[in-house]
């Protein structure tokens, strides 16, 4: 993300005290308390070029150039006395099984108060391009097991599950459907069973396509543009109350 684009997107987020749009999820119980640790997990959409050698909280390079940076920068600017700590541990190319392999070190050891997860695109996409054979049932059961493990280790963690989404252009064609839609349904069910807050994104982007072409929001149908990341950040902040 270019500096001028980041500044513009962040200003838009900071400048709005509250957001209201159709289909928005309710706030999670209450706003984050002082010293809250917020962790973002997922694949390339979350990773977004982060510096994996940087491990400090709230470091710009460590947060990448996507929605985690936009969320963190806006929340930190709005609440300078809140002691908020933001981390990004998204890894490009990850599927749920990949999260399972690194979960103890990259999630549980950080003891987050708020854990945000966006995963699912590669669990289907890699079936088309990399020989992966996981089914919708595999995705749902593995994701359920991951959140069950998390609840056991971190009983008070506030879980946020973001809906995996795509836009119909470029890499996304009719081969994706209806299986990808079934995976979105599975993600919602996983979130419900885990007592997580579910952030719907597909309907939001479908609505945005009415105002600009799909490539404006996700250049290849999968990876968000600067504008697409701003949309995710807006939805996330409203849902989390940060």
C-alpha atoms as a PDB file:
ATOM      1  CA  UNK A   1       0.000   0.000   0.000  1.00  0.00           C
ATOM      2  CA  UNK A   2       1.407   3.415  -0.964  1.00  0.00           C
ATOM      3  CA  UNK A   3       1.830   5.974   1.812  1.00  0.00           C
ATOM      4  CA  UNK A   4      -0.710   8.400   0.375  1.00  0.00           C
ATOM      5  CA  UNK A   5      -3.300   5.618  -0.005  1.00  0.00           C
ATOM      6  CA  UNK A   6      -2.707   4.457   3.567  1.00  0.00           C
ATOM      7  CA  UNK A   7      -3.088   7.960   4.964  1.00  0.00           C
ATOM      8  CA  UNK A   8      -6.322   8.536   3.055  1.00  0.00           C
ATOM      9  CA  UNK A   9      -7.828   5.216   4.094  1.00  0.00           C
ATOM     10  CA  UNK A  10      -6.800   5.632   7.724  1.00  0.00           C
ATOM     11  CA  UNK A  11      -8.182   9.155   7.876  1.00  0.00           C
ATOM     12  CA  UNK A  12     -11.520   7.907   6.622  1.00  0.00           C
ATOM     13  CA  UNK A  13     -11.629   5.260   9.341  1.00  0.00           C
ATOM     14  CA  UNK A  14     -10.512   7.511  12.175  1.00  0.00           C
ATOM     15  CA  UNK A  15     -12.861  10.278  11.130  1.00  0.00           C
ATOM     16  CA  UNK A  16     -15.975   8.173  11.590  1.00  0.00           C
ATOM     17  CA  UNK A  17     -17.012   7.636  15.218  1.00  0.00           C
ATOM     18  CA  UNK A  18     -19.460   4.879  14.339  1.00  0.00           C
ATOM     19  CA  UNK A  19     -20.465   2.960  11.262  1.00  0.00           C
ATOM     20  CA  UNK A  20     -23.890   1.792  10.296  1.00  0.00           C
ATOM     21  CA  UNK A  21     -24.672  -0.326   7.251  1.00  0.00           C
ATOM     22  CA  UNK A  22     -27.149  -2.995   6.341  1.00  0.00           C
ATOM     23  CA  UNK A  23     -26.198  -6.462   7.566  1.00  0.00           C
ATOM     24  CA  UNK A  24     -23.590  -5.286  10.057  1.00  0.00           C
ATOM     25  CA  UNK A  25     -22.901  -7.577  12.997  1.00  0.00           C
ATOM     26  CA  UNK A  26     -23.537  -6.229  16.512  1.00  0.00           C
ATOM     27  CA  UNK A  27     -20.705  -5.048  18.710  1.00  0.00           C
ATOM     28  CA  UNK A  28     -18.928  -7.713  20.719  1.00  0.00           C
ATOM     29  CA  UNK A  29     -20.309  -7.414  24.243  1.00  0.00           C
ATOM     30  CA  UNK A  30     -18.289  -4.303  25.123  1.00  0.00           C
ATOM     31  CA  UNK A  31     -15.389  -2.199  23.806  1.00  0.00           C
ATOM     32  CA  UNK A  32     -11.871  -3.472  24.366  1.00  0.00           C
ATOM     33  CA  UNK A  33     -10.423  -2.741  27.793  1.00  0.00           C
ATOM     34  CA  UNK A  34      -7.081  -1.131  28.585  1.00  0.00           C
ATOM     35  CA  UNK A  35      -4.092  -3.225  27.516  1.00  0.00           C
ATOM     36  CA  UNK A  36      -6.066  -5.455  25.143  1.00  0.00           C
ATOM     37  CA  UNK A  37      -3.980  -7.697  22.882  1.00  0.00           C
ATOM     38  CA  UNK A  38      -5.487  -8.060  19.408  1.00  0.00           C
ATOM     39  CA  UNK A  39      -4.184 -10.758  17.061  1.00  0.00           C
ATOM     40  CA  UNK A  40      -4.946 -11.130  13.349  1.00  0.00           C
ATOM     41  CA  UNK A  41      -4.612 -14.595  11.821  1.00  0.00           C
ATOM     42  CA  UNK A  42      -5.173 -15.897   8.314  1.00  0.00           C
ATOM     43  CA  UNK A  43      -3.675 -16.203   4.851  1.00  0.00           C
ATOM     44  CA  UNK A  44      -2.282 -13.696   2.326  1.00  0.00           C
ATOM     45  CA  UNK A  45      -5.203 -11.284   2.717  1.00  0.00           C
ATOM     46  CA  UNK A  46      -4.159 -10.846   6.348  1.00  0.00           C
ATOM     47  CA  UNK A  47      -0.402 -11.290   5.825  1.00  0.00           C
ATOM     48  CA  UNK A  48      -0.296  -8.574   3.142  1.00  0.00           C
ATOM     49  CA  UNK A  49       3.494  -8.412   2.955  1.00  0.00           C
ATOM     50  CA  UNK A  50       4.181  -8.100   6.668  1.00  0.00           C
ATOM     51  CA  UNK A  51       7.791  -8.234   7.882  1.00  0.00           C
ATOM     52  CA  UNK A  52       7.915 -11.624   9.596  1.00  0.00           C
ATOM     53  CA  UNK A  53      11.182 -10.750  11.336  1.00  0.00           C
ATOM     54  CA  UNK A  54       9.454  -7.905  13.181  1.00  0.00           C
ATOM     55  CA  UNK A  55       7.634  -9.115  16.277  1.00  0.00           C
ATOM     56  CA  UNK A  56       6.894  -5.978  18.294  1.00  0.00           C
ATOM     57  CA  UNK A  57       3.291  -4.943  18.842  1.00  0.00           C
ATOM     58  CA  UNK A  58       1.992  -2.019  16.775  1.00  0.00           C
ATOM     59  CA  UNK A  59       5.009  -1.957  14.438  1.00  0.00           C
ATOM     60  CA  UNK A  60       3.918  -0.857  10.963  1.00  0.00           C
ATOM     61  CA  UNK A  61       6.098  -3.356   9.122  1.00  0.00           C
ATOM     62  CA  UNK A  62       4.954  -6.212  11.326  1.00  0.00           C
ATOM     63  CA  UNK A  63       1.303  -5.439  10.596  1.00  0.00           C
ATOM     64  CA  UNK A  64       1.658  -5.558   6.806  1.00  0.00           C
ATOM     65  CA  UNK A  65       0.013  -3.123   4.406  1.00  0.00           C
ATOM     66  CA  UNK A  66      -3.595  -4.341   4.562  1.00  0.00           C
ATOM     67  CA  UNK A  67      -6.604  -4.259   6.850  1.00  0.00           C
ATOM     68  CA  UNK A  68      -4.700  -5.149  10.078  1.00  0.00           C
ATOM     69  CA  UNK A  69      -2.595  -1.994   9.641  1.00  0.00           C
ATOM     70  CA  UNK A  70      -5.677   0.109   8.911  1.00  0.00           C
ATOM     71  CA  UNK A  71      -7.530  -1.278  11.929  1.00  0.00           C
ATOM     72  CA  UNK A  72      -4.569  -0.851  14.264  1.00  0.00           C
ATOM     73  CA  UNK A  73      -3.627   2.640  13.140  1.00  0.00           C
ATOM     74  CA  UNK A  74      -7.197   3.934  13.398  1.00  0.00           C
ATOM     75  CA  UNK A  75      -7.811   2.344  16.800  1.00  0.00           C
ATOM     76  CA  UNK A  76      -4.485   3.528  18.210  1.00  0.00           C
ATOM     77  CA  UNK A  77      -5.105   7.069  16.992  1.00  0.00           C
ATOM     78  CA  UNK A  78      -8.609   7.093  18.464  1.00  0.00           C
ATOM     79  CA  UNK A  79      -7.538   5.613  21.816  1.00  0.00           C
ATOM     80  CA  UNK A  80      -3.989   6.769  22.606  1.00  0.00           C
ATOM     81  CA  UNK A  81      -4.440   5.970  26.292  1.00  0.00           C
ATOM     82  CA  UNK A  82      -5.890   2.493  25.746  1.00  0.00           C
ATOM     83  CA  UNK A  83      -2.664   0.486  25.827  1.00  0.00           C
ATOM     84  CA  UNK A  84      -3.835  -1.517  22.813  1.00  0.00           C
ATOM     85  CA  UNK A  85      -1.399  -4.023  21.310  1.00  0.00           C
ATOM     86  CA  UNK A  86      -1.891  -5.294  17.760  1.00  0.00           C
ATOM     87  CA  UNK A  87      -0.142  -8.282  16.176  1.00  0.00           C
ATOM     88  CA  UNK A  88      -0.402  -9.859  12.726  1.00  0.00           C
ATOM     89  CA  UNK A  89       0.509 -13.510  12.200  1.00  0.00           C
ATOM     90  CA  UNK A  90      -1.188 -14.134   8.853  1.00  0.00           C
ATOM     91  CA  UNK A  91       0.826 -16.287   6.436  1.00  0.00           C
ATOM     92  CA  UNK A  92       0.331 -16.189   2.688  1.00  0.00           C
ATOM     93  CA  UNK A  93      -0.920 -19.457   1.197  1.00  0.00           C
ATOM     94  CA  UNK A  94      -2.253 -20.842   4.466  1.00  0.00           C
ATOM     95  CA  UNK A  95      -5.225 -23.167   4.787  1.00  0.00           C
ATOM     96  CA  UNK A  96      -6.834 -24.312   8.039  1.00  0.00           C
ATOM     97  CA  UNK A  97      -4.410 -27.283   8.343  1.00  0.00           C
ATOM     98  CA  UNK A  98      -1.510 -24.824   8.115  1.00  0.00           C
ATOM     99  CA  UNK A  99      -2.978 -22.773  10.933  1.00  0.00           C
ATOM    100  CA  UNK A 100      -3.252 -25.933  13.030  1.00  0.00           C
ATOM    101  CA  UNK A 101       0.455 -26.656  12.585  1.00  0.00           C
ATOM    102  CA  UNK A 102       1.586 -23.246  13.858  1.00  0.00           C
ATOM    103  CA  UNK A 103      -1.256 -22.405  16.220  1.00  0.00           C
ATOM    104  CA  UNK A 104       0.527 -22.971  19.532  1.00  0.00           C
ATOM    105  CA  UNK A 105       3.436 -20.660  18.741  1.00  0.00           C
ATOM    106  CA  UNK A 106       1.730 -18.061  16.547  1.00  0.00           C
ATOM    107  CA  UNK A 107      -1.517 -17.754  18.491  1.00  0.00           C
ATOM    108  CA  UNK A 108      -1.808 -19.399  21.884  1.00  0.00           C
ATOM    109  CA  UNK A 109       1.609 -18.228  23.106  1.00  0.00           C
ATOM    110  CA  UNK A 110       0.615 -14.605  22.414  1.00  0.00           C
ATOM    111  CA  UNK A 111      -2.427 -14.972  24.696  1.00  0.00           C
ATOM    112  CA  UNK A 112      -4.637 -12.592  22.725  1.00  0.00           C
ATOM    113  CA  UNK A 113      -7.706 -11.008  24.271  1.00  0.00           C
ATOM    114  CA  UNK A 114      -9.216 -10.587  20.811  1.00  0.00           C
ATOM    115  CA  UNK A 115      -8.453 -13.128  18.080  1.00  0.00           C
ATOM    116  CA  UNK A 116      -9.479 -12.370  14.503  1.00  0.00           C
ATOM    117  CA  UNK A 117      -9.352 -15.108  11.853  1.00  0.00           C
ATOM    118  CA  UNK A 118      -9.873 -14.898   8.085  1.00  0.00           C
ATOM    119  CA  UNK A 119      -9.257 -18.260   6.406  1.00  0.00           C
ATOM    120  CA  UNK A 120     -10.885 -20.344   3.700  1.00  0.00           C
ATOM    121  CA  UNK A 121     -10.004 -19.092   0.216  1.00  0.00           C
ATOM    122  CA  UNK A 122      -6.949 -21.327  -0.168  1.00  0.00           C
ATOM    123  CA  UNK A 123      -8.856 -24.287   1.272  1.00  0.00           C
ATOM    124  CA  UNK A 124     -10.742 -24.219  -2.016  1.00  0.00           C
ATOM    125  CA  UNK A 125      -8.362 -22.431  -4.419  1.00  0.00           C
ATOM    126  CA  UNK A 126      -5.578 -24.945  -3.820  1.00  0.00           C
ATOM    127  CA  UNK A 127      -7.903 -27.700  -4.994  1.00  0.00           C
ATOM    128  CA  UNK A 128      -7.855 -26.046  -8.416  1.00  0.00           C
ATOM    129  CA  UNK A 129      -4.196 -25.112  -8.586  1.00  0.00           C
ATOM    130  CA  UNK A 130      -2.120 -27.209  -6.167  1.00  0.00           C
ATOM    131  CA  UNK A 131      -3.715 -30.622  -5.892  1.00  0.00           C
ATOM    132  CA  UNK A 132      -5.221 -30.123  -2.450  1.00  0.00           C
ATOM    133  CA  UNK A 133      -8.033 -32.579  -1.746  1.00  0.00           C
ATOM    134  CA  UNK A 134      -9.725 -31.155   1.363  1.00  0.00           C
ATOM    135  CA  UNK A 135     -13.519 -31.170   1.328  1.00  0.00           C
ATOM    136  CA  UNK A 136     -16.044 -28.748   2.760  1.00  0.00           C
ATOM    137  CA  UNK A 137     -16.512 -31.209   5.629  1.00  0.00           C
ATOM    138  CA  UNK A 138     -12.748 -31.253   6.236  1.00  0.00           C
ATOM    139  CA  UNK A 139     -12.701 -27.456   6.337  1.00  0.00           C
ATOM    140  CA  UNK A 140     -15.561 -27.298   8.807  1.00  0.00           C
ATOM    141  CA  UNK A 141     -14.287 -30.030  11.117  1.00  0.00           C
ATOM    142  CA  UNK A 142     -10.694 -28.741  11.131  1.00  0.00           C
ATOM    143  CA  UNK A 143     -11.816 -25.168  11.725  1.00  0.00           C
ATOM    144  CA  UNK A 144     -14.116 -26.321  14.535  1.00  0.00           C
ATOM    145  CA  UNK A 145     -11.272 -28.243  16.153  1.00  0.00           C
ATOM    146  CA  UNK A 146      -9.011 -25.199  15.912  1.00  0.00           C
ATOM    147  CA  UNK A 147     -11.489 -22.951  17.696  1.00  0.00           C
ATOM    148  CA  UNK A 148     -12.257 -25.628  20.286  1.00  0.00           C
ATOM    149  CA  UNK A 149      -8.539 -25.855  21.057  1.00  0.00           C
ATOM    150  CA  UNK A 150      -8.423 -22.070  21.316  1.00  0.00           C
ATOM    151  CA  UNK A 151     -11.365 -21.906  23.716  1.00  0.00           C
ATOM    152  CA  UNK A 152      -9.775 -24.542  25.928  1.00  0.00           C
ATOM    153  CA  UNK A 153      -6.443 -22.716  26.073  1.00  0.00           C
ATOM    154  CA  UNK A 154      -7.875 -19.194  26.226  1.00  0.00           C
ATOM    155  CA  UNK A 155     -11.343 -19.409  27.818  1.00  0.00           C
ATOM    156  CA  UNK A 156     -11.978 -15.668  27.846  1.00  0.00           C
ATOM    157  CA  UNK A 157     -10.716 -14.845  24.345  1.00  0.00           C
ATOM    158  CA  UNK A 158     -13.089 -12.858  22.135  1.00  0.00           C
ATOM    159  CA  UNK A 159     -13.218 -14.608  18.769  1.00  0.00           C
ATOM    160  CA  UNK A 160     -13.904 -12.819  15.504  1.00  0.00           C
ATOM    161  CA  UNK A 161     -14.395 -14.992  12.410  1.00  0.00           C
ATOM    162  CA  UNK A 162     -14.351 -13.118   9.114  1.00  0.00           C
ATOM    163  CA  UNK A 163     -16.265 -14.601   6.212  1.00  0.00           C
ATOM    164  CA  UNK A 164     -13.984 -15.748   3.385  1.00  0.00           C
ATOM    165  CA  UNK A 165     -14.974 -13.907   0.219  1.00  0.00           C
ATOM    166  CA  UNK A 166     -14.169 -13.591  -3.476  1.00  0.00           C
ATOM    167  CA  UNK A 167     -15.213 -11.312  -6.298  1.00  0.00           C
ATOM    168  CA  UNK A 168     -16.181 -12.801  -9.653  1.00  0.00           C
ATOM    169  CA  UNK A 169     -13.327 -11.720 -11.899  1.00  0.00           C
ATOM    170  CA  UNK A 170      -9.861 -12.829 -13.057  1.00  0.00           C
ATOM    171  CA  UNK A 171      -8.878 -15.934 -11.019  1.00  0.00           C
ATOM    172  CA  UNK A 172     -12.443 -16.482  -9.791  1.00  0.00           C
ATOM    173  CA  UNK A 173     -14.667 -18.222 -12.318  1.00  0.00           C
ATOM    174  CA  UNK A 174     -17.625 -20.608 -12.286  1.00  0.00           C
ATOM    175  CA  UNK A 175     -15.374 -23.467 -11.083  1.00  0.00           C
ATOM    176  CA  UNK A 176     -15.485 -21.870  -7.653  1.00  0.00           C
ATOM    177  CA  UNK A 177     -19.201 -22.339  -7.216  1.00  0.00           C
ATOM    178  CA  UNK A 178     -21.180 -23.707  -5.482  1.00  0.00           C
ATOM    179  CA  UNK A 179     -18.400 -25.267  -3.356  1.00  0.00           C
ATOM    180  CA  UNK A 180     -16.914 -21.971  -2.240  1.00  0.00           C
ATOM    181  CA  UNK A 181     -20.346 -20.792  -1.141  1.00  0.00           C
ATOM    182  CA  UNK A 182     -20.686 -23.991   0.889  1.00  0.00           C
ATOM    183  CA  UNK A 183     -17.411 -23.160   2.627  1.00  0.00           C
ATOM    184  CA  UNK A 184     -18.729 -19.725   3.526  1.00  0.00           C
ATOM    185  CA  UNK A 185     -21.756 -21.389   5.104  1.00  0.00           C
ATOM    186  CA  UNK A 186     -19.433 -23.736   6.975  1.00  0.00           C
ATOM    187  CA  UNK A 187     -17.408 -20.796   8.322  1.00  0.00           C
ATOM    188  CA  UNK A 188     -20.585 -19.196   9.669  1.00  0.00           C
ATOM    189  CA  UNK A 189     -21.563 -22.453  11.373  1.00  0.00           C
ATOM    190  CA  UNK A 190     -18.100 -22.825  12.893  1.00  0.00           C
ATOM    191  CA  UNK A 191     -18.315 -19.287  14.265  1.00  0.00           C
ATOM    192  CA  UNK A 192     -21.740 -19.917  15.755  1.00  0.00           C
ATOM    193  CA  UNK A 193     -20.671 -23.110  17.509  1.00  0.00           C
ATOM    194  CA  UNK A 194     -17.576 -21.409  18.931  1.00  0.00           C
ATOM    195  CA  UNK A 195     -19.495 -18.403  20.252  1.00  0.00           C
ATOM    196  CA  UNK A 196     -17.543 -16.175  17.882  1.00  0.00           C
ATOM    197  CA  UNK A 197     -18.704 -12.983  16.242  1.00  0.00           C
ATOM    198  CA  UNK A 198     -19.093 -13.530  12.512  1.00  0.00           C
ATOM    199  CA  UNK A 199     -18.205 -10.682  10.162  1.00  0.00           C
ATOM    200  CA  UNK A 200     -20.062 -11.051   6.846  1.00  0.00           C
ATOM    201  CA  UNK A 201     -17.957  -9.763   3.966  1.00  0.00           C
ATOM    202  CA  UNK A 202     -19.348 -11.337   0.800  1.00  0.00           C
ATOM    203  CA  UNK A 203     -22.599  -9.360   0.826  1.00  0.00           C
ATOM    204  CA  UNK A 204     -20.662  -6.190   1.575  1.00  0.00           C
ATOM    205  CA  UNK A 205     -18.410  -6.648  -1.444  1.00  0.00           C
ATOM    206  CA  UNK A 206     -21.330  -7.742  -3.628  1.00  0.00           C
ATOM    207  CA  UNK A 207     -22.932  -4.419  -2.782  1.00  0.00           C
ATOM    208  CA  UNK A 208     -19.703  -2.529  -3.489  1.00  0.00           C
ATOM    209  CA  UNK A 209     -19.553  -4.060  -6.972  1.00  0.00           C
ATOM    210  CA  UNK A 210     -22.655  -2.029  -7.754  1.00  0.00           C
ATOM    211  CA  UNK A 211     -20.546   1.116  -7.428  1.00  0.00           C
ATOM    212  CA  UNK A 212     -17.237  -0.005  -9.000  1.00  0.00           C
ATOM    213  CA  UNK A 213     -15.992  -3.067 -10.943  1.00  0.00           C
ATOM    214  CA  UNK A 214     -14.820  -6.162  -9.020  1.00  0.00           C
ATOM    215  CA  UNK A 215     -11.183  -5.458  -9.867  1.00  0.00           C
ATOM    216  CA  UNK A 216     -11.442  -2.135  -8.045  1.00  0.00           C
ATOM    217  CA  UNK A 217     -11.968  -4.046  -4.788  1.00  0.00           C
ATOM    218  CA  UNK A 218      -9.864  -7.169  -5.475  1.00  0.00           C
ATOM    219  CA  UNK A 219      -7.478  -7.031  -8.401  1.00  0.00           C
ATOM    220  CA  UNK A 220      -7.512 -10.775  -9.098  1.00  0.00           C
ATOM    221  CA  UNK A 221     -10.832 -11.564  -7.457  1.00  0.00           C
ATOM    222  CA  UNK A 222      -9.109 -12.796  -4.288  1.00  0.00           C
ATOM    223  CA  UNK A 223      -6.573 -10.266  -3.000  1.00  0.00           C
ATOM    224  CA  UNK A 224      -8.069  -6.918  -1.968  1.00  0.00           C
ATOM    225  CA  UNK A 225      -6.850  -3.620  -3.338  1.00  0.00           C
ATOM    226  CA  UNK A 226      -6.268  -0.634  -1.054  1.00  0.00           C
ATOM    227  CA  UNK A 227      -9.995   0.102  -1.325  1.00  0.00           C
ATOM    228  CA  UNK A 228     -10.882  -3.503  -0.551  1.00  0.00           C
ATOM    229  CA  UNK A 229      -8.735  -3.549   2.568  1.00  0.00           C
ATOM    230  CA  UNK A 230     -10.405  -0.330   3.735  1.00  0.00           C
ATOM    231  CA  UNK A 231     -13.798  -2.043   3.393  1.00  0.00           C
ATOM    232  CA  UNK A 232     -12.636  -4.993   5.517  1.00  0.00           C
ATOM    233  CA  UNK A 233     -11.142  -2.664   8.133  1.00  0.00           C
ATOM    234  CA  UNK A 234     -14.375  -0.692   8.364  1.00  0.00           C
ATOM    235  CA  UNK A 235     -16.428  -3.848   8.871  1.00  0.00           C
ATOM    236  CA  UNK A 236     -13.940  -5.190  11.419  1.00  0.00           C
ATOM    237  CA  UNK A 237     -13.823  -2.041  13.533  1.00  0.00           C
ATOM    238  CA  UNK A 238     -17.563  -1.653  13.687  1.00  0.00           C
ATOM    239  CA  UNK A 239     -17.957  -5.284  14.718  1.00  0.00           C
ATOM    240  CA  UNK A 240     -15.194  -5.246  17.341  1.00  0.00           C
ATOM    241  CA  UNK A 241     -16.120  -1.870  18.788  1.00  0.00           C
ATOM    242  CA  UNK A 242     -12.594  -0.537  18.336  1.00  0.00           C
END
